[in-house]
């Protein structure tokens, strides 16, 4: 794979399209756009472009397509699979300036937004009108809604409310050659032709650049209760998921944290609002929401009854908002805390939720076999277990050569259980070598054919998803790569 190197003529052309101050070639801005939150990988773009609107993007893409220049869309940089890293240099198309909520339609329970709006800002704006966007990634305070759509994000509330793909009704997007398309309609039903909207949701910026998103909203639940339940066995905490659901309760969140995850989070925050006795091995954070507090209290009682055969530990019921926020803060910082404790690799495994206890036990067995420690947490309600593999005392050779074998073993087990290798983080750059586990060759070939239809020249977010596009990081040893 090869692309045109950007030269002074290209920089001048981009400046004519975008105007002053929107074509950045300095070291600082290129460095900022060289990475996301994926491990320690950093690859520089040749130039950072700051489009203001769809027309800017349309003209940039048409120019790059004609000249075979690589373009990598960039959101807030919170991704965990290397999806926004400009593997082949070229243009980093930074979407931060497309940050307007276009309209909130209270009659039809919809919001139309540009992709550069921060997810929590969007949630707060619609909540002010009594509406609810439930998709709730841990990075909601910084991630962009466009990135959430590109990666098909989930988060804690997926057990009850689903993921991004369940809320996107329609998209406007620019194809790699600069043509503008609209994928659907602003309706709850749509049986008209192929579902291009769902095809673009989760496509990781490889098919088109999304410039406008229409999202379905719900009525805003007015009340919440939060329960923190402790378990002397991590496997019992996983088993408790089905015990709750079999009791007829569908929580709005059902989160798993093994002991090391909670301890790591409290050390990272420098505070310990939750006592963790030696015998406790895991916690579940269980939220119920609605409008009737009496009904929520009854649900909390039913949850406690369902968990009684699996734990002798007391349960903490958080009724007021401040106490709930303290508990949610612990859960939301676990990933960041794990990353600060060691060089790491984070795997985003997902299995049918009844298989979660087996998956957790298998991860620990693989860790013992290969000599690594893992910190596990995630969305137990939908079988999504985040596995943070810590380098700690492993040698560079073991980390480079043995850990990928361990990850492959975990992914093969996940596939055997009917699961897959990513629930919400995407494949991006770092997981593409495992795609042969998730899909047979004929399915991958079909996906590549779809990519070719959208992007015949392969200029849009190249080097992602499909394993054979590049086996080595291009630009190693040049200014694109930071050790």
Protein backbone atom coordinates (compact mmCIF):
# COMPACT_ATOMS: atom_id res chain seq x y z
CA UNK A 1 0.00 0.00 0.00
CA UNK A 2 1.36 3.42 -0.92
CA UNK A 3 0.05 6.96 -0.78
CA UNK A 4 1.18 10.30 -2.13
CA UNK A 5 3.48 12.23 0.18
CA UNK A 6 2.04 15.61 1.08
CA UNK A 7 4.03 18.50 -0.39
CA UNK A 8 3.87 22.30 -0.35
CA UNK A 9 1.35 22.35 -3.21
CA UNK A 10 -1.01 20.18 -1.17
CA UNK A 11 -0.63 22.41 1.87
CA UNK A 12 -1.43 25.44 -0.26
CA UNK A 13 -4.50 23.69 -1.70
CA UNK A 14 -5.77 22.75 1.77
CA UNK A 15 -5.28 26.36 2.87
CA UNK A 16 -7.37 27.59 -0.06
CA UNK A 17 -10.15 25.14 0.82
CA UNK A 18 -10.21 25.71 4.59
CA UNK A 19 -8.87 29.20 5.11
CA UNK A 20 -6.26 30.53 7.54
CA UNK A 21 -5.42 28.73 10.76
CA UNK A 22 -7.02 25.43 9.73
CA UNK A 23 -4.04 23.69 8.17
CA UNK A 24 -1.58 22.68 10.90
CA UNK A 25 1.86 21.24 10.23
CA UNK A 26 3.64 22.12 13.48
CA UNK A 27 5.11 19.44 15.73
CA UNK A 28 2.72 20.04 18.64
CA UNK A 29 -0.50 19.59 16.66
CA UNK A 30 0.82 16.64 14.70
CA UNK A 31 1.83 14.99 17.98
CA UNK A 32 -1.62 15.58 19.49
CA UNK A 33 -3.21 13.84 16.52
CA UNK A 34 -0.71 10.98 16.45
CA UNK A 35 -2.40 8.87 19.12
CA UNK A 36 -5.56 7.99 20.99
CA UNK A 37 -5.80 6.08 24.29
CA UNK A 38 -4.53 2.82 22.78
CA UNK A 39 -1.49 1.53 24.65
CA UNK A 40 1.56 3.68 23.86
CA UNK A 41 1.20 3.72 20.07
CA UNK A 42 1.86 7.05 18.35
CA UNK A 43 2.11 7.67 14.59
CA UNK A 44 2.31 11.19 13.19
CA UNK A 45 0.14 12.59 10.40
CA UNK A 46 1.81 14.86 7.87
CA UNK A 47 -0.84 17.54 8.38
CA UNK A 48 -3.81 18.22 10.65
CA UNK A 49 -6.87 19.75 8.97
CA UNK A 50 -9.70 21.50 10.85
CA UNK A 51 -12.84 21.53 8.68
CA UNK A 52 -15.79 23.65 9.82
CA UNK A 53 -18.64 22.00 7.96
CA UNK A 54 -19.72 19.34 5.48
CA UNK A 55 -18.64 21.38 2.46
CA UNK A 56 -15.09 21.69 3.83
CA UNK A 57 -14.93 17.94 4.27
CA UNK A 58 -16.41 17.30 0.85
CA UNK A 59 -13.74 19.42 -0.84
CA UNK A 60 -10.88 17.95 1.22
CA UNK A 61 -11.96 14.38 0.45
CA UNK A 62 -12.38 15.08 -3.27
CA UNK A 63 -8.87 16.60 -3.39
CA UNK A 64 -7.27 13.70 -1.45
CA UNK A 65 -9.12 11.07 -3.46
CA UNK A 66 -7.91 12.49 -6.77
CA UNK A 67 -4.30 12.56 -5.53
CA UNK A 68 -4.35 9.33 -3.49
CA UNK A 69 -3.61 10.96 -0.12
CA UNK A 70 -4.42 8.97 3.03
CA UNK A 71 -7.08 10.53 5.30
CA UNK A 72 -7.77 9.46 8.89
CA UNK A 73 -10.82 10.99 10.65
CA UNK A 74 -10.06 12.11 14.22
CA UNK A 75 -12.54 12.67 17.04
CA UNK A 76 -11.70 13.31 20.68
CA UNK A 77 -8.91 10.71 20.78
CA UNK A 78 -10.49 8.53 23.47
CA UNK A 79 -10.51 5.34 21.36
CA UNK A 80 -9.00 2.10 22.62
CA UNK A 81 -8.23 0.21 19.40
CA UNK A 82 -6.08 2.68 17.48
CA UNK A 83 -8.91 3.58 15.12
CA UNK A 84 -7.98 7.28 14.85
CA UNK A 85 -4.21 6.81 14.57
CA UNK A 86 -2.90 7.91 11.14
CA UNK A 87 -1.02 4.70 10.41
CA UNK A 88 -0.02 5.83 6.92
CA UNK A 89 0.57 9.49 7.73
CA UNK A 90 -1.19 11.84 5.35
CA UNK A 91 -4.13 13.89 6.63
CA UNK A 92 -5.56 13.79 10.13
CA UNK A 93 -9.08 15.12 9.58
CA UNK A 94 -9.84 16.64 12.98
CA UNK A 95 -13.59 16.94 13.62
CA UNK A 96 -13.46 19.13 16.73
CA UNK A 97 -14.97 22.18 15.00
CA UNK A 98 -18.13 20.35 13.89
CA UNK A 99 -19.48 20.74 17.42
CA UNK A 100 -23.03 22.05 17.09
CA UNK A 101 -26.26 20.46 18.24
CA UNK A 102 -28.35 21.40 15.21
CA UNK A 103 -31.78 20.89 16.76
CA UNK A 104 -33.62 19.02 19.50
CA UNK A 105 -37.02 17.84 18.28
CA UNK A 106 -39.16 17.43 21.41
CA UNK A 107 -42.24 16.47 19.37
CA UNK A 108 -40.55 13.48 17.76
CA UNK A 109 -38.01 12.68 20.51
CA UNK A 110 -34.96 13.20 18.30
CA UNK A 111 -31.78 15.21 18.23
CA UNK A 112 -29.77 16.16 15.14
CA UNK A 113 -26.12 16.82 15.88
CA UNK A 114 -22.72 17.32 14.32
CA UNK A 115 -20.13 14.65 15.19
CA UNK A 116 -17.80 16.83 17.29
CA UNK A 117 -20.26 17.32 20.17
CA UNK A 118 -19.10 15.82 23.49
CA UNK A 119 -21.42 12.98 24.47
CA UNK A 120 -22.12 14.27 27.99
CA UNK A 121 -22.90 17.73 26.61
CA UNK A 122 -25.45 16.15 24.28
CA UNK A 123 -26.94 14.14 27.14
CA UNK A 124 -27.24 17.21 29.35
CA UNK A 125 -28.81 19.33 26.61
CA UNK A 126 -31.54 16.81 25.85
CA UNK A 127 -32.07 16.11 29.57
CA UNK A 128 -32.86 19.80 30.00
CA UNK A 129 -35.87 19.17 27.78
CA UNK A 130 -36.95 16.03 29.62
CA UNK A 131 -35.34 13.66 27.08
CA UNK A 132 -32.81 10.87 27.50
CA UNK A 133 -29.92 9.58 25.40
CA UNK A 134 -28.90 6.47 27.33
CA UNK A 135 -25.66 5.38 25.64
CA UNK A 136 -23.12 6.14 28.34
CA UNK A 137 -19.43 5.33 27.65
CA UNK A 138 -16.96 5.77 30.50
CA UNK A 139 -15.32 8.65 28.60
CA UNK A 140 -18.64 10.48 28.11
CA UNK A 141 -17.16 13.71 29.52
CA UNK A 142 -14.61 13.94 26.70
CA UNK A 143 -15.53 11.59 23.84
CA UNK A 144 -17.37 12.85 20.75
CA UNK A 145 -20.72 11.52 19.63
CA UNK A 146 -19.24 10.97 16.16
CA UNK A 147 -16.57 8.70 17.59
CA UNK A 148 -19.24 6.79 19.49
CA UNK A 149 -21.09 6.23 16.23
CA UNK A 150 -17.92 5.21 14.39
CA UNK A 151 -17.07 2.61 17.05
CA UNK A 152 -20.66 1.54 17.86
CA UNK A 153 -20.14 2.39 21.53
CA UNK A 154 -22.05 0.78 24.35
CA UNK A 155 -21.38 1.47 28.02
CA UNK A 156 -23.11 0.53 31.27
CA UNK A 157 -26.69 1.11 30.17
CA UNK A 158 -26.59 -1.33 27.25
CA UNK A 159 -28.15 -4.11 29.36
CA UNK A 160 -31.48 -2.24 29.36
CA UNK A 161 -31.20 0.35 26.61
CA UNK A 162 -28.88 -1.08 23.97
CA UNK A 163 -25.94 0.54 22.17
CA UNK A 164 -25.41 3.38 19.69
CA UNK A 165 -26.72 1.35 16.76
CA UNK A 166 -30.14 1.19 18.45
CA UNK A 167 -30.47 5.01 18.45
CA UNK A 168 -29.02 6.28 15.17
CA UNK A 169 -31.85 6.85 12.69
CA UNK A 170 -30.09 8.68 9.89
CA UNK A 171 -26.66 9.90 8.87
CA UNK A 172 -25.22 12.41 6.46
CA UNK A 173 -21.75 11.43 5.35
CA UNK A 174 -19.08 12.28 2.80
CA UNK A 175 -17.72 9.43 0.70
CA UNK A 176 -13.97 9.17 0.05
CA UNK A 177 -14.38 10.79 -3.38
CA UNK A 178 -16.21 13.80 -1.91
CA UNK A 179 -19.81 12.84 -2.72
CA UNK A 180 -22.41 13.49 -0.02
CA UNK A 181 -24.90 10.77 0.96
CA UNK A 182 -27.82 10.41 3.36
CA UNK A 183 -28.24 6.89 4.68
CA UNK A 184 -31.78 6.67 6.06
CA UNK A 185 -34.73 8.72 7.28
CA UNK A 186 -35.76 10.50 10.48
CA UNK A 187 -38.35 7.84 11.25
CA UNK A 188 -38.60 5.00 13.75
CA UNK A 189 -39.44 2.54 10.97
CA UNK A 190 -37.57 2.23 7.72
CA UNK A 191 -37.79 -0.79 5.41
CA UNK A 192 -36.59 1.04 2.32
CA UNK A 193 -33.60 -0.59 0.67
CA UNK A 194 -30.37 -1.66 2.34
CA UNK A 195 -29.69 -0.34 5.83
CA UNK A 196 -26.72 1.90 5.11
CA UNK A 197 -27.14 3.64 8.46
CA UNK A 198 -26.28 0.52 10.42
CA UNK A 199 -23.50 -0.27 7.98
CA UNK A 200 -21.79 3.04 8.78
CA UNK A 201 -22.39 2.72 12.53
CA UNK A 202 -19.32 0.83 13.74
CA UNK A 203 -17.43 1.14 10.44
CA UNK A 204 -14.60 2.96 12.26
CA UNK A 205 -14.23 5.75 9.73
CA UNK A 206 -13.23 3.37 6.94
CA UNK A 207 -16.24 3.88 4.63
CA UNK A 208 -17.28 7.54 4.90
CA UNK A 209 -16.83 10.67 7.04
CA UNK A 210 -19.97 11.24 9.10
CA UNK A 211 -20.99 14.90 9.27
CA UNK A 212 -24.54 14.84 10.71
CA UNK A 213 -26.30 12.35 13.00
CA UNK A 214 -30.00 11.97 13.79
CA UNK A 215 -30.52 10.17 17.10
CA UNK A 216 -33.64 8.71 18.67
CA UNK A 217 -34.33 9.82 22.27
CA UNK A 218 -36.42 8.47 25.15
CA UNK A 219 -38.33 10.07 28.03
CA UNK A 220 -35.94 10.92 30.86
CA UNK A 221 -36.27 8.64 33.92
CA UNK A 222 -36.62 10.86 36.97
CA UNK A 223 -35.38 8.51 39.70
CA UNK A 224 -32.55 6.03 40.21
CA UNK A 225 -31.33 3.66 42.85
CA UNK A 226 -27.82 2.21 42.92
CA UNK A 227 -26.74 -0.96 44.72
CA UNK A 228 -23.14 -2.06 45.38
CA UNK A 229 -23.05 -5.79 46.08
CA UNK A 230 -19.90 -7.58 47.30
CA UNK A 231 -19.02 -11.21 46.59
CA UNK A 232 -16.44 -13.59 48.02
CA UNK A 233 -16.08 -15.18 44.59
CA UNK A 234 -15.64 -13.33 41.29
CA UNK A 235 -17.37 -16.19 39.51
CA UNK A 236 -20.39 -15.82 41.82
CA UNK A 237 -20.53 -12.12 40.96
CA UNK A 238 -20.77 -13.11 37.30
CA UNK A 239 -23.41 -15.75 38.08
CA UNK A 240 -25.45 -13.11 39.89
CA UNK A 241 -26.20 -11.41 36.56
CA UNK A 242 -28.61 -14.12 35.46
CA UNK A 243 -30.00 -14.44 38.99
CA UNK A 244 -31.11 -10.80 38.80
CA UNK A 245 -32.57 -11.12 35.31
CA UNK A 246 -34.35 -14.36 36.19
CA UNK A 247 -36.01 -12.49 39.05
CA UNK A 248 -37.76 -10.36 36.42
CA UNK A 249 -35.58 -7.26 36.92
CA UNK A 250 -33.85 -5.53 34.01
CA UNK A 251 -31.43 -3.06 35.62
CA UNK A 252 -30.43 0.10 33.80
CA UNK A 253 -26.82 -0.86 34.57
CA UNK A 254 -25.16 -4.05 35.80
CA UNK A 255 -21.41 -3.55 36.14
CA UNK A 256 -18.71 -6.00 37.27
CA UNK A 257 -15.48 -5.05 39.05
CA UNK A 258 -13.09 -7.65 40.39
CA UNK A 259 -11.27 -6.79 43.62
CA UNK A 260 -8.07 -5.55 41.96
CA UNK A 261 -10.13 -3.21 39.77
CA UNK A 262 -11.83 -1.51 42.70
CA UNK A 263 -8.62 -1.29 44.72
CA UNK A 264 -6.80 0.17 41.71
CA UNK A 265 -9.54 2.77 41.20
CA UNK A 266 -9.45 3.87 44.85
CA UNK A 267 -5.65 4.14 44.82
CA UNK A 268 -5.84 6.20 41.63
CA UNK A 269 -8.40 8.58 43.17
CA UNK A 270 -6.55 8.75 46.49
CA UNK A 271 -9.71 7.99 48.43
CA UNK A 272 -11.45 4.85 49.68
CA UNK A 273 -15.22 5.36 49.91
CA UNK A 274 -15.76 1.58 49.75
CA UNK A 275 -14.29 -0.89 52.24
CA UNK A 276 -12.78 -3.97 50.56
CA UNK A 277 -12.27 -6.76 53.14
CA UNK A 278 -9.76 -9.50 52.36
CA UNK A 279 -12.46 -12.06 51.67
CA UNK A 280 -14.26 -9.92 49.09
CA UNK A 281 -13.16 -10.75 45.53
CA UNK A 282 -15.57 -8.77 43.35
CA UNK A 283 -18.43 -6.26 43.26
CA UNK A 284 -21.48 -5.66 41.13
CA UNK A 285 -22.77 -2.12 40.65
CA UNK A 286 -26.49 -2.43 39.94
CA UNK A 287 -28.69 0.49 38.92
CA UNK A 288 -32.45 0.59 38.47
CA UNK A 289 -34.25 3.61 37.05
CA UNK A 290 -37.78 4.82 36.41
CA UNK A 291 -40.36 7.25 37.74
CA UNK A 292 -41.89 5.55 40.80
CA UNK A 293 -39.58 5.35 43.83
CA UNK A 294 -41.74 2.77 45.56
CA UNK A 295 -41.40 0.52 42.51
CA UNK A 296 -37.63 1.00 42.46
CA UNK A 297 -37.39 0.08 46.15
CA UNK A 298 -39.35 -3.09 45.44
CA UNK A 299 -36.95 -3.91 42.63
CA UNK A 300 -34.01 -3.35 44.98
CA UNK A 301 -35.56 -5.77 47.46
CA UNK A 302 -36.06 -8.35 44.72
CA UNK A 303 -32.42 -7.96 43.65
CA UNK A 304 -31.22 -8.48 47.22
CA UNK A 305 -33.33 -11.62 47.49
CA UNK A 306 -31.97 -12.97 44.19
CA UNK A 307 -28.37 -12.42 45.31
CA UNK A 308 -28.75 -13.96 48.76
CA UNK A 309 -27.75 -17.51 47.65
CA UNK A 310 -24.56 -16.13 46.07
CA UNK A 311 -23.21 -13.80 48.77
CA UNK A 312 -23.24 -13.35 52.53
CA UNK A 313 -21.86 -9.82 52.26
CA UNK A 314 -23.91 -6.70 53.00
CA UNK A 315 -25.19 -4.61 50.11
CA UNK A 316 -24.92 -0.84 49.94
CA UNK A 317 -28.02 0.99 48.72
CA UNK A 318 -27.28 4.49 47.41
CA UNK A 319 -30.45 6.58 47.16
CA UNK A 320 -29.11 10.14 46.98
CA UNK A 321 -27.34 11.57 43.96
CA UNK A 322 -24.09 12.41 45.73
CA UNK A 323 -23.56 8.88 47.01
CA UNK A 324 -24.44 7.46 43.60
CA UNK A 325 -21.94 9.76 41.92
CA UNK A 326 -19.16 8.54 44.25
CA UNK A 327 -19.84 4.91 43.30
CA UNK A 328 -20.13 5.67 39.59
CA UNK A 329 -16.87 7.61 39.71
CA UNK A 330 -15.09 4.51 40.97
CA UNK A 331 -16.44 2.45 38.10
CA UNK A 332 -15.71 5.06 35.45
CA UNK A 333 -12.05 5.52 36.38
CA UNK A 334 -11.15 1.82 36.57
CA UNK A 335 -9.82 1.74 33.01
CA UNK A 336 -7.74 4.88 33.43
CA UNK A 337 -6.46 3.65 36.81
CA UNK A 338 -5.38 0.31 35.34
CA UNK A 339 -3.51 2.09 32.57
CA UNK A 340 -1.62 4.25 35.08
CA UNK A 341 -0.48 1.21 37.07
CA UNK A 342 1.52 -0.46 34.29
CA UNK A 343 2.14 -0.77 30.56
CA UNK A 344 -0.97 -2.61 29.47
CA UNK A 345 -3.06 -4.15 26.72
CA UNK A 346 -6.85 -3.88 27.01
CA UNK A 347 -9.02 -6.54 25.42
CA UNK A 348 -12.75 -5.95 24.87
CA UNK A 349 -14.13 -9.49 25.01
CA UNK A 350 -17.85 -10.24 24.87
CA UNK A 351 -19.70 -13.54 25.29
CA UNK A 352 -23.32 -14.58 25.83
CA UNK A 353 -23.75 -13.38 29.41
CA UNK A 354 -24.37 -16.85 30.88
CA UNK A 355 -20.79 -17.70 29.79
CA UNK A 356 -19.27 -14.79 31.73
CA UNK A 357 -18.12 -16.90 34.74
CA UNK A 358 -16.35 -19.31 32.37
CA UNK A 359 -14.68 -16.45 30.52
CA UNK A 360 -13.38 -14.86 33.71
CA UNK A 361 -11.98 -18.19 34.93
CA UNK A 362 -10.36 -18.83 31.55
CA UNK A 363 -8.70 -15.40 31.48
CA UNK A 364 -7.18 -16.04 34.90
CA UNK A 365 -5.98 -19.50 33.81
CA UNK A 366 -4.32 -18.05 30.71
CA UNK A 367 -2.71 -15.39 32.90
CA UNK A 368 -1.24 -18.08 35.13
CA UNK A 369 0.03 -19.99 32.08
CA UNK A 370 1.78 -16.95 30.55
CA UNK A 371 2.76 -15.22 33.80
CA UNK A 372 0.73 -12.03 33.57
CA UNK A 373 -1.68 -10.31 35.96
CA UNK A 374 -4.96 -9.01 34.63
CA UNK A 375 -7.47 -6.51 35.97
CA UNK A 376 -10.98 -7.39 34.81
CA UNK A 377 -14.14 -5.30 34.86
CA UNK A 378 -16.93 -4.43 32.51
CA UNK A 379 -20.56 -4.58 31.54
CA UNK A 380 -21.67 -7.85 33.12
CA UNK A 381 -25.27 -7.30 32.07
CA UNK A 382 -24.37 -7.86 28.42
CA UNK A 383 -21.42 -10.23 28.81
CA UNK A 384 -18.80 -7.59 27.97
CA UNK A 385 -15.60 -8.15 29.97
CA UNK A 386 -12.72 -5.69 29.68
CA UNK A 387 -9.43 -7.51 30.32
CA UNK A 388 -6.45 -5.29 31.15
CA UNK A 389 -3.26 -7.31 30.75
CA UNK A 390 -0.44 -5.70 32.75
CA UNK A 391 3.21 -5.94 31.72
CA UNK A 392 4.67 -5.41 35.20
CA UNK A 393 7.61 -7.88 35.51
CA UNK A 394 7.37 -9.41 32.05
CA UNK A 395 10.41 -9.00 29.81
CA UNK A 396 10.18 -7.04 26.57
CA UNK A 397 10.48 -10.33 24.66
CA UNK A 398 7.65 -11.95 26.62
CA UNK A 399 5.48 -8.87 26.13
CA UNK A 400 6.19 -8.74 22.41
CA UNK A 401 6.13 -12.47 21.58
CA UNK A 402 4.19 -14.37 24.24
CA UNK A 403 1.34 -12.04 25.17
CA UNK A 404 -0.12 -12.02 21.62
CA UNK A 405 -0.30 -15.83 21.89
CA UNK A 406 -2.17 -15.47 25.18
CA UNK A 407 -4.59 -12.96 23.68
CA UNK A 408 -5.23 -15.29 20.75
CA UNK A 409 -6.03 -18.14 23.15
CA UNK A 410 -8.53 -15.93 24.99
CA UNK A 411 -10.16 -14.83 21.73
CA UNK A 412 -10.42 -18.41 20.45
CA UNK A 413 -12.19 -19.36 23.70
CA UNK A 414 -14.53 -16.37 23.36
CA UNK A 415 -15.41 -17.41 19.80
CA UNK A 416 -16.02 -20.99 20.87
CA UNK A 417 -18.52 -19.71 23.42
CA UNK A 418 -20.44 -17.80 20.75
CA UNK A 419 -18.85 -14.44 21.53
CA UNK A 420 -16.55 -12.10 19.63
CA UNK A 421 -13.34 -10.16 20.06
CA UNK A 422 -14.77 -6.65 20.54
CA UNK A 423 -18.02 -5.57 22.13
CA UNK A 424 -17.65 -1.78 21.90
CA UNK A 425 -14.04 -0.67 21.33
CA UNK A 426 -13.78 -1.70 17.69
CA UNK A 427 -11.00 -3.47 15.81
CA UNK A 428 -8.97 -0.50 14.59
CA UNK A 429 -5.24 -1.10 14.28
CA UNK A 430 -4.33 -3.24 17.28
CA UNK A 431 -6.94 -6.01 16.99
CA UNK A 432 -6.94 -6.60 13.24
CA UNK A 433 -4.45 -9.49 13.42
CA UNK A 434 -7.12 -11.47 15.30
CA UNK A 435 -9.93 -10.97 12.80
CA UNK A 436 -9.37 -14.48 11.40
CA UNK A 437 -10.72 -15.78 14.72
CA UNK A 438 -13.92 -13.76 14.46
CA UNK A 439 -14.68 -14.46 10.79
CA UNK A 440 -13.80 -17.01 8.11
CA UNK A 441 -11.96 -15.88 4.99
CA UNK A 442 -15.12 -15.67 2.85
CA UNK A 443 -16.78 -13.27 5.31
CA UNK A 444 -13.69 -11.08 5.53
CA UNK A 445 -13.55 -11.07 1.73
CA UNK A 446 -17.14 -9.81 1.59
CA UNK A 447 -16.31 -7.03 4.07
CA UNK A 448 -13.32 -6.00 1.98
CA UNK A 449 -15.56 -5.89 -1.08
CA UNK A 450 -17.89 -3.49 0.73
CA UNK A 451 -14.89 -1.35 1.66
CA UNK A 452 -13.83 -1.32 -2.00
CA UNK A 453 -17.28 -0.18 -3.17
CA UNK A 454 -17.18 2.81 -0.81
CA UNK A 455 -13.46 3.52 -1.15
CA UNK A 456 -11.94 2.02 -4.34
CA UNK A 457 -8.58 3.72 -3.76
CA UNK A 458 -8.41 2.76 -0.08
CA UNK A 459 -7.53 6.26 1.12
CA UNK A 460 -9.96 6.51 4.08
CA UNK A 461 -8.54 5.35 7.41
CA UNK A 462 -6.18 2.84 5.79
CA UNK A 463 -4.46 0.14 7.80
CA UNK A 464 -7.50 -0.63 9.97
CA UNK A 465 -9.74 -3.67 10.56
CA UNK A 466 -8.27 -6.03 7.92
CA UNK A 467 -5.07 -7.85 8.92
CA UNK A 468 -3.12 -8.04 5.69
CA UNK A 469 -3.18 -4.31 4.92
CA UNK A 470 0.04 -3.90 6.90
CA UNK A 471 2.00 -6.26 9.11
CA UNK A 472 4.48 -3.63 10.21
CA UNK A 473 3.92 -0.13 11.53
CA UNK A 474 4.88 2.13 8.61
CA UNK A 475 7.22 4.98 9.32
CA UNK A 476 9.02 3.22 12.20
CA UNK A 477 12.26 5.05 12.77
CA UNK A 478 10.92 8.25 11.21
CA UNK A 479 9.18 11.16 12.92
CA UNK A 480 5.88 9.28 12.63
CA UNK A 481 6.78 6.93 15.45
CA UNK A 482 7.38 7.78 19.09
CA UNK A 483 8.89 5.15 21.39
